[in-house]
Amino acid sequence: MRSFDWLLLLGALTLGLAFALVDSSPGWDDTGVSAAAVLLTAAVFGATRPARPWLWALAVGLWIPAMGITLHHNPAALIALVPAAVGAYAGAGARGLLTGPGGAA
């Protein structure tokens, strides 16, 4: 990975952690907003670097299930990986449609 990719990864991890902290806060009760934020953020990273959509899905989306399982013993929180994966692969796919095979935007 290039140094720019490492910066993107750090950004994805940071945003994912921020979403998880908000999602796990006691006053937060809007799962739809959390899911939309994860989906859109993963889509942006997937479109930015479409070669690794799985990496962006995990970097953005893994924090919510990790905190849900650790803090609340809720394995159903793994469902939060779905919007992350959908977003990352949709972003990568959209980039491919716009630029063509092997193209750059």
PDB file of N, CA and C in Angstrom:
ATOM      1  N   MET A   1       0.832  -1.186   0.000  1.00  0.00           N
ATOM      2  CA  MET A   1       0.000   0.000   0.000  1.00  0.00           C
ATOM      3  C   MET A   1       0.878   1.251   0.000  1.00  0.00           C
ATOM      4  N   ARG A   2       0.433   2.233  -0.740  1.00  0.00           N
ATOM      5  CA  ARG A   2       1.140   3.509  -0.774  1.00  0.00           C
ATOM      6  C   ARG A   2       0.820   4.327   0.475  1.00  0.00           C
ATOM      7  N   SER A   3       1.610   5.351   0.723  1.00  0.00           N
ATOM      8  CA  SER A   3       1.401   6.154   1.930  1.00  0.00           C
ATOM      9  C   SER A   3       0.032   6.830   1.927  1.00  0.00           C
ATOM     10  N   PHE A   4      -0.455   7.237   0.748  1.00  0.00           N
ATOM     11  CA  PHE A   4      -1.785   7.831   0.673  1.00  0.00           C
ATOM     12  C   PHE A   4      -2.853   6.820   1.082  1.00  0.00           C
ATOM     13  N   ASP A   5      -2.654   5.565   0.711  1.00  0.00           N
ATOM     14  CA  ASP A   5      -3.597   4.515   1.108  1.00  0.00           C
ATOM     15  C   ASP A   5      -3.605   4.337   2.622  1.00  0.00           C
ATOM     16  N   TRP A   6      -2.452   4.463   3.250  1.00  0.00           N
ATOM     17  CA  TRP A   6      -2.392   4.357   4.709  1.00  0.00           C
ATOM     18  C   TRP A   6      -3.138   5.500   5.368  1.00  0.00           C
ATOM     19  N   LEU A   7      -3.046   6.690   4.787  1.00  0.00           N
ATOM     20  CA  LEU A   7      -3.792   7.836   5.312  1.00  0.00           C
ATOM     21  C   LEU A   7      -5.295   7.623   5.147  1.00  0.00           C
ATOM     22  N   LEU A   8      -5.689   7.071   3.996  1.00  0.00           N
ATOM     23  CA  LEU A   8      -7.109   6.758   3.791  1.00  0.00           C
ATOM     24  C   LEU A   8      -7.583   5.720   4.804  1.00  0.00           C
ATOM     25  N   LEU A   9      -6.757   4.704   5.038  1.00  0.00           N
ATOM     26  CA  LEU A   9      -7.118   3.672   6.010  1.00  0.00           C
ATOM     27  C   LEU A   9      -7.266   4.275   7.406  1.00  0.00           C
ATOM     28  N   LEU A  10      -6.359   5.131   7.776  1.00  0.00           N
ATOM     29  CA  LEU A  10      -6.459   5.797   9.075  1.00  0.00           C
ATOM     30  C   LEU A  10      -7.741   6.627   9.159  1.00  0.00           C
ATOM     31  N   GLY A  11      -8.077   7.322   8.087  1.00  0.00           N
ATOM     32  CA  GLY A  11      -9.318   8.093   8.047  1.00  0.00           C
ATOM     33  C   GLY A  11     -10.548   7.213   8.168  1.00  0.00           C
ATOM     34  N   ALA A  12     -10.554   6.080   7.461  1.00  0.00           N
ATOM     35  CA  ALA A  12     -11.690   5.152   7.524  1.00  0.00           C
ATOM     36  C   ALA A  12     -11.839   4.571   8.929  1.00  0.00           C
ATOM     37  N   LEU A  13     -10.730   4.197   9.531  1.00  0.00           N
ATOM     38  CA  LEU A  13     -10.773   3.652  10.887  1.00  0.00           C
ATOM     39  C   LEU A  13     -11.268   4.701  11.889  1.00  0.00           C
ATOM     40  N   THR A  14     -10.807   5.926  11.724  1.00  0.00           N
ATOM     41  CA  THR A  14     -11.204   7.000  12.631  1.00  0.00           C
ATOM     42  C   THR A  14     -12.691   7.304  12.503  1.00  0.00           C
ATOM     43  N   LEU A  15     -13.180   7.407  11.275  1.00  0.00           N
ATOM     44  CA  LEU A  15     -14.611   7.671  11.079  1.00  0.00           C
ATOM     45  C   LEU A  15     -15.459   6.514  11.596  1.00  0.00           C
ATOM     46  N   GLY A  16     -15.016   5.290  11.336  1.00  0.00           N
ATOM     47  CA  GLY A  16     -15.750   4.128  11.843  1.00  0.00           C
ATOM     48  C   GLY A  16     -15.828   4.122  13.360  1.00  0.00           C
ATOM     49  N   LEU A  17     -14.717   4.458  14.012  1.00  0.00           N
ATOM     50  CA  LEU A  17     -14.704   4.534  15.472  1.00  0.00           C
ATOM     51  C   LEU A  17     -15.635   5.646  15.959  1.00  0.00           C
ATOM     52  N   ALA A  18     -15.612   6.779  15.286  1.00  0.00           N
ATOM     53  CA  ALA A  18     -16.500   7.882  15.676  1.00  0.00           C
ATOM     54  C   ALA A  18     -17.970   7.475  15.557  1.00  0.00           C
ATOM     55  N   PHE A  19     -18.320   6.782  14.478  1.00  0.00           N
ATOM     56  CA  PHE A  19     -19.701   6.317  14.312  1.00  0.00           C
ATOM     57  C   PHE A  19     -20.072   5.333  15.423  1.00  0.00           C
ATOM     58  N   ALA A  20     -19.142   4.454  15.770  1.00  0.00           N
ATOM     59  CA  ALA A  20     -19.413   3.471  16.821  1.00  0.00           C
ATOM     60  C   ALA A  20     -19.587   4.140  18.174  1.00  0.00           C
ATOM     61  N   LEU A  21     -18.780   5.147  18.463  1.00  0.00           N
ATOM     62  CA  LEU A  21     -18.915   5.854  19.738  1.00  0.00           C
ATOM     63  C   LEU A  21     -20.255   6.570  19.835  1.00  0.00           C
ATOM     64  N   VAL A  22     -20.673   7.206  18.750  1.00  0.00           N
ATOM     65  CA  VAL A  22     -21.984   7.862  18.745  1.00  0.00           C
ATOM     66  C   VAL A  22     -23.087   6.815  18.859  1.00  0.00           C
ATOM     67  N   ASP A  23     -22.962   5.727  18.100  1.00  0.00           N
ATOM     68  CA  ASP A  23     -23.991   4.698  18.091  1.00  0.00           C
ATOM     69  C   ASP A  23     -24.143   4.022  19.454  1.00  0.00           C
ATOM     70  N   SER A  24     -23.064   3.920  20.206  1.00  0.00           N
ATOM     71  CA  SER A  24     -23.133   3.243  21.503  1.00  0.00           C
ATOM     72  C   SER A  24     -23.419   4.191  22.660  1.00  0.00           C
ATOM     73  N   SER A  25     -23.537   5.483  22.380  1.00  0.00           N
ATOM     74  CA  SER A  25     -23.808   6.430  23.464  1.00  0.00           C
ATOM     75  C   SER A  25     -25.228   6.243  23.990  1.00  0.00           C
ATOM     76  N   PRO A  26     -25.438   6.480  25.271  1.00  0.00           N
ATOM     77  CA  PRO A  26     -26.737   6.198  25.901  1.00  0.00           C
ATOM     78  C   PRO A  26     -27.915   6.956  25.298  1.00  0.00           C
ATOM     79  N   GLY A  27     -27.719   8.174  24.831  1.00  0.00           N
ATOM     80  CA  GLY A  27     -28.834   8.952  24.311  1.00  0.00           C
ATOM     81  C   GLY A  27     -29.136   8.712  22.839  1.00  0.00           C
ATOM     82  N   TRP A  28     -28.320   7.939  22.161  1.00  0.00           N
ATOM     83  CA  TRP A  28     -28.486   7.739  20.719  1.00  0.00           C
ATOM     84  C   TRP A  28     -29.403   6.557  20.460  1.00  0.00           C
ATOM     85  N   ASP A  29     -30.444   6.808  19.690  1.00  0.00           N
ATOM     86  CA  ASP A  29     -31.385   5.728  19.381  1.00  0.00           C
ATOM     87  C   ASP A  29     -31.855   5.833  17.938  1.00  0.00           C
ATOM     88  N   ASP A  30     -30.941   6.081  17.010  1.00  0.00           N
ATOM     89  CA  ASP A  30     -31.313   6.208  15.615  1.00  0.00           C
ATOM     90  C   ASP A  30     -30.408   5.341  14.750  1.00  0.00           C
ATOM     91  N   THR A  31     -30.753   4.081  14.696  1.00  0.00           N
ATOM     92  CA  THR A  31     -29.957   3.112  13.962  1.00  0.00           C
ATOM     93  C   THR A  31     -29.904   3.437  12.481  1.00  0.00           C
ATOM     94  N   GLY A  32     -30.982   3.978  11.949  1.00  0.00           N
ATOM     95  CA  GLY A  32     -31.019   4.305  10.524  1.00  0.00           C
ATOM     96  C   GLY A  32     -29.983   5.351  10.137  1.00  0.00           C
ATOM     97  N   VAL A  33     -29.809   6.341  10.981  1.00  0.00           N
ATOM     98  CA  VAL A  33     -28.809   7.377  10.709  1.00  0.00           C
ATOM     99  C   VAL A  33     -27.409   6.769  10.781  1.00  0.00           C
ATOM    100  N   SER A  34     -27.175   5.917  11.754  1.00  0.00           N
ATOM    101  CA  SER A  34     -25.872   5.258  11.866  1.00  0.00           C
ATOM    102  C   SER A  34     -25.597   4.395  10.644  1.00  0.00           C
ATOM    103  N   ALA A  35     -26.582   3.618  10.219  1.00  0.00           N
ATOM    104  CA  ALA A  35     -26.411   2.744   9.054  1.00  0.00           C
ATOM    105  C   ALA A  35     -26.159   3.560   7.794  1.00  0.00           C
ATOM    106  N   ALA A  36     -26.885   4.659   7.629  1.00  0.00           N
ATOM    107  CA  ALA A  36     -26.682   5.509   6.452  1.00  0.00           C
ATOM    108  C   ALA A  36     -25.293   6.142   6.458  1.00  0.00           C
ATOM    109  N   ALA A  37     -24.832   6.585   7.624  1.00  0.00           N
ATOM    110  CA  ALA A  37     -23.505   7.180   7.725  1.00  0.00           C
ATOM    111  C   ALA A  37     -22.421   6.160   7.370  1.00  0.00           C
ATOM    112  N   VAL A  38     -22.574   4.940   7.873  1.00  0.00           N
ATOM    113  CA  VAL A  38     -21.605   3.878   7.574  1.00  0.00           C
ATOM    114  C   VAL A  38     -21.636   3.541   6.088  1.00  0.00           C
ATOM    115  N   LEU A  39     -22.821   3.398   5.520  1.00  0.00           N
ATOM    116  CA  LEU A  39     -22.964   3.054   4.107  1.00  0.00           C
ATOM    117  C   LEU A  39     -22.332   4.126   3.218  1.00  0.00           C
ATOM    118  N   LEU A  40     -22.668   5.377   3.457  1.00  0.00           N
ATOM    119  CA  LEU A  40     -22.152   6.451   2.612  1.00  0.00           C
ATOM    120  C   LEU A  40     -20.644   6.634   2.765  1.00  0.00           C
ATOM    121  N   THR A  41     -20.158   6.514   3.981  1.00  0.00           N
ATOM    122  CA  THR A  41     -18.719   6.657   4.202  1.00  0.00           C
ATOM    123  C   THR A  41     -17.948   5.527   3.532  1.00  0.00           C
ATOM    124  N   ALA A  42     -18.435   4.307   3.676  1.00  0.00           N
ATOM    125  CA  ALA A  42     -17.780   3.175   3.022  1.00  0.00           C
ATOM    126  C   ALA A  42     -17.844   3.316   1.501  1.00  0.00           C
ATOM    127  N   ALA A  43     -18.945   3.868   0.985  1.00  0.00           N
ATOM    128  CA  ALA A  43     -19.070   4.077  -0.460  1.00  0.00           C
ATOM    129  C   ALA A  43     -18.030   5.069  -0.966  1.00  0.00           C
ATOM    130  N   VAL A  44     -17.795   6.125  -0.205  1.00  0.00           N
ATOM    131  CA  VAL A  44     -16.789   7.119  -0.607  1.00  0.00           C
ATOM    132  C   VAL A  44     -15.397   6.488  -0.638  1.00  0.00           C
ATOM    133  N   PHE A  45     -15.071   5.717   0.389  1.00  0.00           N
ATOM    134  CA  PHE A  45     -13.758   5.067   0.408  1.00  0.00           C
ATOM    135  C   PHE A  45     -13.662   4.003  -0.688  1.00  0.00           C
ATOM    136  N   GLY A  46     -14.750   3.273  -0.918  1.00  0.00           N
ATOM    137  CA  GLY A  46     -14.750   2.275  -1.989  1.00  0.00           C
ATOM    138  C   GLY A  46     -14.562   2.904  -3.355  1.00  0.00           C
ATOM    139  N   ALA A  47     -15.154   4.062  -3.573  1.00  0.00           N
ATOM    140  CA  ALA A  47     -14.985   4.760  -4.847  1.00  0.00           C
ATOM    141  C   ALA A  47     -13.594   5.369  -4.972  1.00  0.00           C
ATOM    142  N   THR A  48     -13.029   5.775  -3.847  1.00  0.00           N
ATOM    143  CA  THR A  48     -11.695   6.379  -3.870  1.00  0.00           C
ATOM    144  C   THR A  48     -10.629   5.350  -4.219  1.00  0.00           C
ATOM    145  N   ARG A  49     -10.716   4.201  -3.602  1.00  0.00           N
ATOM    146  CA  ARG A  49      -9.771   3.103  -3.869  1.00  0.00           C
ATOM    147  C   ARG A  49     -10.574   1.811  -4.107  1.00  0.00           C
ATOM    148  N   PRO A  50     -11.053   1.613  -5.342  1.00  0.00           N
ATOM    149  CA  PRO A  50     -11.954   0.495  -5.620  1.00  0.00           C
ATOM    150  C   PRO A  50     -11.297  -0.884  -5.632  1.00  0.00           C
ATOM    151  N   ALA A  51      -9.989  -0.960  -5.578  1.00  0.00           N
ATOM    152  CA  ALA A  51      -9.322  -2.264  -5.622  1.00  0.00           C
ATOM    153  C   ALA A  51      -9.535  -3.069  -4.342  1.00  0.00           C
ATOM    154  N   ARG A  52      -9.874  -2.393  -3.232  1.00  0.00           N
ATOM    155  CA  ARG A  52     -10.011  -3.083  -1.943  1.00  0.00           C
ATOM    156  C   ARG A  52     -11.302  -2.706  -1.227  1.00  0.00           C
ATOM    157  N   PRO A  53     -12.459  -2.985  -1.794  1.00  0.00           N
ATOM    158  CA  PRO A  53     -13.696  -2.601  -1.099  1.00  0.00           C
ATOM    159  C   PRO A  53     -13.877  -3.330   0.227  1.00  0.00           C
ATOM    160  N   TRP A  54     -13.372  -4.547   0.332  1.00  0.00           N
ATOM    161  CA  TRP A  54     -13.491  -5.303   1.582  1.00  0.00           C
ATOM    162  C   TRP A  54     -12.756  -4.594   2.718  1.00  0.00           C
ATOM    163  N   LEU A  55     -11.608  -3.971   2.391  1.00  0.00           N
ATOM    164  CA  LEU A  55     -10.822  -3.268   3.401  1.00  0.00           C
ATOM    165  C   LEU A  55     -11.596  -2.074   3.946  1.00  0.00           C
ATOM    166  N   TRP A  56     -12.238  -1.325   3.047  1.00  0.00           N
ATOM    167  CA  TRP A  56     -12.997  -0.154   3.477  1.00  0.00           C
ATOM    168  C   TRP A  56     -14.227  -0.558   4.262  1.00  0.00           C
ATOM    169  N   ALA A  57     -14.865  -1.640   3.856  1.00  0.00           N
ATOM    170  CA  ALA A  57     -16.036  -2.126   4.593  1.00  0.00           C
ATOM    171  C   ALA A  57     -15.651  -2.491   6.029  1.00  0.00           C
ATOM    172  N   LEU A  58     -14.548  -3.178   6.185  1.00  0.00           N
ATOM    173  CA  LEU A  58     -14.110  -3.554   7.531  1.00  0.00           C
ATOM    174  C   LEU A  58     -13.619  -2.356   8.336  1.00  0.00           C
ATOM    175  N   ALA A  59     -12.863  -1.480   7.701  1.00  0.00           N
ATOM    176  CA  ALA A  59     -12.310  -0.330   8.421  1.00  0.00           C
ATOM    177  C   ALA A  59     -13.410   0.580   8.954  1.00  0.00           C
ATOM    178  N   VAL A  60     -14.443   0.801   8.156  1.00  0.00           N
ATOM    179  CA  VAL A  60     -15.528   1.680   8.578  1.00  0.00           C
ATOM    180  C   VAL A  60     -16.542   0.929   9.433  1.00  0.00           C
ATOM    181  N   GLY A  61     -16.863  -0.305   9.049  1.00  0.00           N
ATOM    182  CA  GLY A  61     -17.996  -0.993   9.658  1.00  0.00           C
ATOM    183  C   GLY A  61     -17.718  -1.916  10.824  1.00  0.00           C
ATOM    184  N   LEU A  62     -16.478  -2.254  11.065  1.00  0.00           N
ATOM    185  CA  LEU A  62     -16.197  -3.253  12.108  1.00  0.00           C
ATOM    186  C   LEU A  62     -16.313  -2.703  13.523  1.00  0.00           C
ATOM    187  N   TRP A  63     -16.200  -1.405  13.690  1.00  0.00           N
ATOM    188  CA  TRP A  63     -16.224  -0.826  15.033  1.00  0.00           C
ATOM    189  C   TRP A  63     -17.556  -1.008  15.745  1.00  0.00           C
ATOM    190  N   ILE A  64     -18.660  -0.817  15.026  1.00  0.00           N
ATOM    191  CA  ILE A  64     -19.979  -0.928  15.673  1.00  0.00           C
ATOM    192  C   ILE A  64     -20.209  -2.345  16.209  1.00  0.00           C
ATOM    193  N   PRO A  65     -19.977  -3.397  15.410  1.00  0.00           N
ATOM    194  CA  PRO A  65     -20.136  -4.739  15.987  1.00  0.00           C
ATOM    195  C   PRO A  65     -19.134  -5.031  17.097  1.00  0.00           C
ATOM    196  N   ALA A  66     -17.908  -4.544  16.951  1.00  0.00           N
ATOM    197  CA  ALA A  66     -16.909  -4.793  17.993  1.00  0.00           C
ATOM    198  C   ALA A  66     -17.357  -4.206  19.320  1.00  0.00           C
ATOM    199  N   MET A  67     -17.867  -2.991  19.283  1.00  0.00           N
ATOM    200  CA  MET A  67     -18.338  -2.363  20.523  1.00  0.00           C
ATOM    201  C   MET A  67     -19.629  -3.010  21.012  1.00  0.00           C
ATOM    202  N   GLY A  68     -20.511  -3.364  20.098  1.00  0.00           N
ATOM    203  CA  GLY A  68     -21.766  -4.006  20.487  1.00  0.00           C
ATOM    204  C   GLY A  68     -21.541  -5.348  21.166  1.00  0.00           C
ATOM    205  N   ILE A  69     -20.605  -6.106  20.640  1.00  0.00           N
ATOM    206  CA  ILE A  69     -20.309  -7.415  21.222  1.00  0.00           C
ATOM    207  C   ILE A  69     -19.561  -7.247  22.543  1.00  0.00           C
ATOM    208  N   THR A  70     -18.584  -6.365  22.564  1.00  0.00           N
ATOM    209  CA  THR A  70     -17.765  -6.173  23.760  1.00  0.00           C
ATOM    210  C   THR A  70     -18.542  -5.548  24.909  1.00  0.00           C
ATOM    211  N   LEU A  71     -19.262  -4.469  24.624  1.00  0.00           N
ATOM    212  CA  LEU A  71     -19.924  -3.729  25.692  1.00  0.00           C
ATOM    213  C   LEU A  71     -21.289  -4.279  26.075  1.00  0.00           C
ATOM    214  N   HIS A  72     -22.020  -4.784  25.083  1.00  0.00           N
ATOM    215  CA  HIS A  72     -23.410  -5.183  25.330  1.00  0.00           C
ATOM    216  C   HIS A  72     -23.671  -6.670  25.111  1.00  0.00           C
ATOM    217  N   HIS A  73     -22.634  -7.420  24.817  1.00  0.00           N
ATOM    218  CA  HIS A  73     -22.761  -8.864  24.572  1.00  0.00           C
ATOM    219  C   HIS A  73     -23.858  -9.128  23.539  1.00  0.00           C
ATOM    220  N   ASN A  74     -23.808  -8.371  22.436  1.00  0.00           N
ATOM    221  CA  ASN A  74     -24.835  -8.427  21.406  1.00  0.00           C
ATOM    222  C   ASN A  74     -24.220  -8.858  20.075  1.00  0.00           C
ATOM    223  N   PRO A  75     -24.157 -10.171  19.801  1.00  0.00           N
ATOM    224  CA  PRO A  75     -23.580 -10.627  18.531  1.00  0.00           C
ATOM    225  C   PRO A  75     -24.419 -10.220  17.321  1.00  0.00           C
ATOM    226  N   ALA A  76     -25.665  -9.839  17.536  1.00  0.00           N
ATOM    227  CA  ALA A  76     -26.494  -9.372  16.425  1.00  0.00           C
ATOM    228  C   ALA A  76     -25.971  -8.064  15.847  1.00  0.00           C
ATOM    229  N   ALA A  77     -25.080  -7.407  16.556  1.00  0.00           N
ATOM    230  CA  ALA A  77     -24.482  -6.163  16.052  1.00  0.00           C
ATOM    231  C   ALA A  77     -23.643  -6.409  14.801  1.00  0.00           C
ATOM    232  N   LEU A  78     -23.313  -7.664  14.521  1.00  0.00           N
ATOM    233  CA  LEU A  78     -22.566  -7.985  13.297  1.00  0.00           C
ATOM    234  C   LEU A  78     -23.329  -7.570  12.044  1.00  0.00           C
ATOM    235  N   ILE A  79     -24.636  -7.390  12.163  1.00  0.00           N
ATOM    236  CA  ILE A  79     -25.444  -6.966  11.025  1.00  0.00           C
ATOM    237  C   ILE A  79     -24.997  -5.583  10.527  1.00  0.00           C
ATOM    238  N   ALA A  80     -24.309  -4.833  11.355  1.00  0.00           N
ATOM    239  CA  ALA A  80     -23.814  -3.510  10.957  1.00  0.00           C
ATOM    240  C   ALA A  80     -22.768  -3.600   9.853  1.00  0.00           C
ATOM    241  N   LEU A  81     -22.200  -4.780   9.649  1.00  0.00           N
ATOM    242  CA  LEU A  81     -21.241  -4.941   8.557  1.00  0.00           C
ATOM    243  C   LEU A  81     -21.920  -4.914   7.193  1.00  0.00           C
ATOM    244  N   VAL A  82     -23.217  -5.193   7.155  1.00  0.00           N
ATOM    245  CA  VAL A  82     -23.929  -5.237   5.870  1.00  0.00           C
ATOM    246  C   VAL A  82     -23.932  -3.876   5.173  1.00  0.00           C
ATOM    247  N   PRO A  83     -24.380  -2.789   5.834  1.00  0.00           N
ATOM    248  CA  PRO A  83     -24.330  -1.511   5.117  1.00  0.00           C
ATOM    249  C   PRO A  83     -22.912  -1.081   4.746  1.00  0.00           C
ATOM    250  N   ALA A  84     -21.944  -1.451   5.550  1.00  0.00           N
ATOM    251  CA  ALA A  84     -20.554  -1.112   5.221  1.00  0.00           C
ATOM    252  C   ALA A  84     -20.118  -1.843   3.948  1.00  0.00           C
ATOM    253  N   ALA A  85     -20.434  -3.113   3.861  1.00  0.00           N
ATOM    254  CA  ALA A  85     -20.056  -3.885   2.674  1.00  0.00           C
ATOM    255  C   ALA A  85     -20.819  -3.418   1.437  1.00  0.00           C
ATOM    256  N   VAL A  86     -22.104  -3.182   1.598  1.00  0.00           N
ATOM    257  CA  VAL A  86     -22.909  -2.698   0.464  1.00  0.00           C
ATOM    258  C   VAL A  86     -22.356  -1.361  -0.027  1.00  0.00           C
ATOM    259  N   GLY A  87     -22.064  -0.466   0.899  1.00  0.00           N
ATOM    260  CA  GLY A  87     -21.535   0.839   0.520  1.00  0.00           C
ATOM    261  C   GLY A  87     -20.190   0.750  -0.175  1.00  0.00           C
ATOM    262  N   ALA A  88     -19.269  -0.013   0.398  1.00  0.00           N
ATOM    263  CA  ALA A  88     -17.927  -0.111  -0.180  1.00  0.00           C
ATOM    264  C   ALA A  88     -17.953  -0.724  -1.571  1.00  0.00           C
ATOM    265  N   TYR A  89     -18.731  -1.796  -1.743  1.00  0.00           N
ATOM    266  CA  TYR A  89     -18.799  -2.436  -3.058  1.00  0.00           C
ATOM    267  C   TYR A  89     -19.592  -1.596  -4.053  1.00  0.00           C
ATOM    268  N   ALA A  90     -20.602  -0.878  -3.590  1.00  0.00           N
ATOM    269  CA  ALA A  90     -21.344   0.022  -4.481  1.00  0.00           C
ATOM    270  C   ALA A  90     -20.450   1.172  -4.937  1.00  0.00           C
ATOM    271  N   GLY A  91     -19.668   1.718  -4.023  1.00  0.00           N
ATOM    272  CA  GLY A  91     -18.739   2.780  -4.392  1.00  0.00           C
ATOM    273  C   GLY A  91     -17.699   2.305  -5.392  1.00  0.00           C
ATOM    274  N   ALA A  92     -17.153   1.114  -5.152  1.00  0.00           N
ATOM    275  CA  ALA A  92     -16.168   0.561  -6.080  1.00  0.00           C
ATOM    276  C   ALA A  92     -16.808   0.283  -7.438  1.00  0.00           C
ATOM    277  N   GLY A  93     -18.024  -0.239  -7.415  1.00  0.00           N
ATOM    278  CA  GLY A  93     -18.725  -0.516  -8.669  1.00  0.00           C
ATOM    279  C   GLY A  93     -19.061   0.751  -9.433  1.00  0.00           C
ATOM    280  N   ALA A  94     -19.490   1.774  -8.725  1.00  0.00           N
ATOM    281  CA  ALA A  94     -19.799   3.050  -9.373  1.00  0.00           C
ATOM    282  C   ALA A  94     -18.543   3.656  -9.999  1.00  0.00           C
ATOM    283  N   ARG A  95     -17.443   3.564  -9.304  1.00  0.00           N
ATOM    284  CA  ARG A  95     -16.181   4.066  -9.859  1.00  0.00           C
ATOM    285  C   ARG A  95     -15.824   3.315 -11.131  1.00  0.00           C
ATOM    286  N   GLY A  96     -16.026   1.988 -11.117  1.00  0.00           N
ATOM    287  CA  GLY A  96     -15.742   1.194 -12.301  1.00  0.00           C
ATOM    288  C   GLY A  96     -16.649   1.555 -13.479  1.00  0.00           C
ATOM    289  N   LEU A  97     -17.912   1.843 -13.194  1.00  0.00           N
ATOM    290  CA  LEU A  97     -18.831   2.227 -14.257  1.00  0.00           C
ATOM    291  C   LEU A  97     -18.466   3.583 -14.846  1.00  0.00           C
ATOM    292  N   LEU A  98     -18.009   4.493 -13.999  1.00  0.00           N
ATOM    293  CA  LEU A  98     -17.688   5.841 -14.472  1.00  0.00           C
ATOM    294  C   LEU A  98     -16.360   5.921 -15.211  1.00  0.00           C
ATOM    295  N   THR A  99     -15.410   5.104 -14.828  1.00  0.00           N
ATOM    296  CA  THR A  99     -14.077   5.211 -15.417  1.00  0.00           C
ATOM    297  C   THR A  99     -13.756   4.089 -16.394  1.00  0.00           C
ATOM    298  N   GLY A 100     -14.505   3.033 -16.392  1.00  0.00           N
ATOM    299  CA  GLY A 100     -14.197   1.890 -17.247  1.00  0.00           C
ATOM    300  C   GLY A 100     -13.126   1.026 -16.625  1.00  0.00           C
ATOM    301  N   PRO A 101     -12.850  -0.122 -17.227  1.00  0.00           N
ATOM    302  CA  PRO A 101     -11.858  -1.032 -16.667  1.00  0.00           C
ATOM    303  C   PRO A 101     -10.461  -0.412 -16.661  1.00  0.00           C
ATOM    304  N   GLY A 102      -9.871  -0.356 -15.478  1.00  0.00           N
ATOM    305  CA  GLY A 102      -8.503   0.129 -15.339  1.00  0.00           C
ATOM    306  C   GLY A 102      -8.358   1.625 -15.505  1.00  0.00           C
ATOM    307  N   GLY A 103      -9.469   2.349 -15.628  1.00  0.00           N
ATOM    308  CA  GLY A 103      -9.397   3.796 -15.825  1.00  0.00           C
ATOM    309  C   GLY A 103      -9.273   4.551 -14.540  1.00  0.00           C
ATOM    310  N   ALA A 104      -8.930   5.785 -14.651  1.00  0.00           N
ATOM    311  CA  ALA A 104      -8.842   6.657 -13.484  1.00  0.00           C
ATOM    312  C   ALA A 104      -9.749   7.855 -13.698  1.00  0.00           C
ATOM    313  N   ALA A 105     -10.302   8.350 -12.597  1.00  0.00           N
ATOM    314  CA  ALA A 105     -11.224   9.481 -12.719  1.00  0.00           C
ATOM    315  C   ALA A 105     -10.471  10.790 -12.773  1.00  0.00           C
TER     316      ALA A 105
END
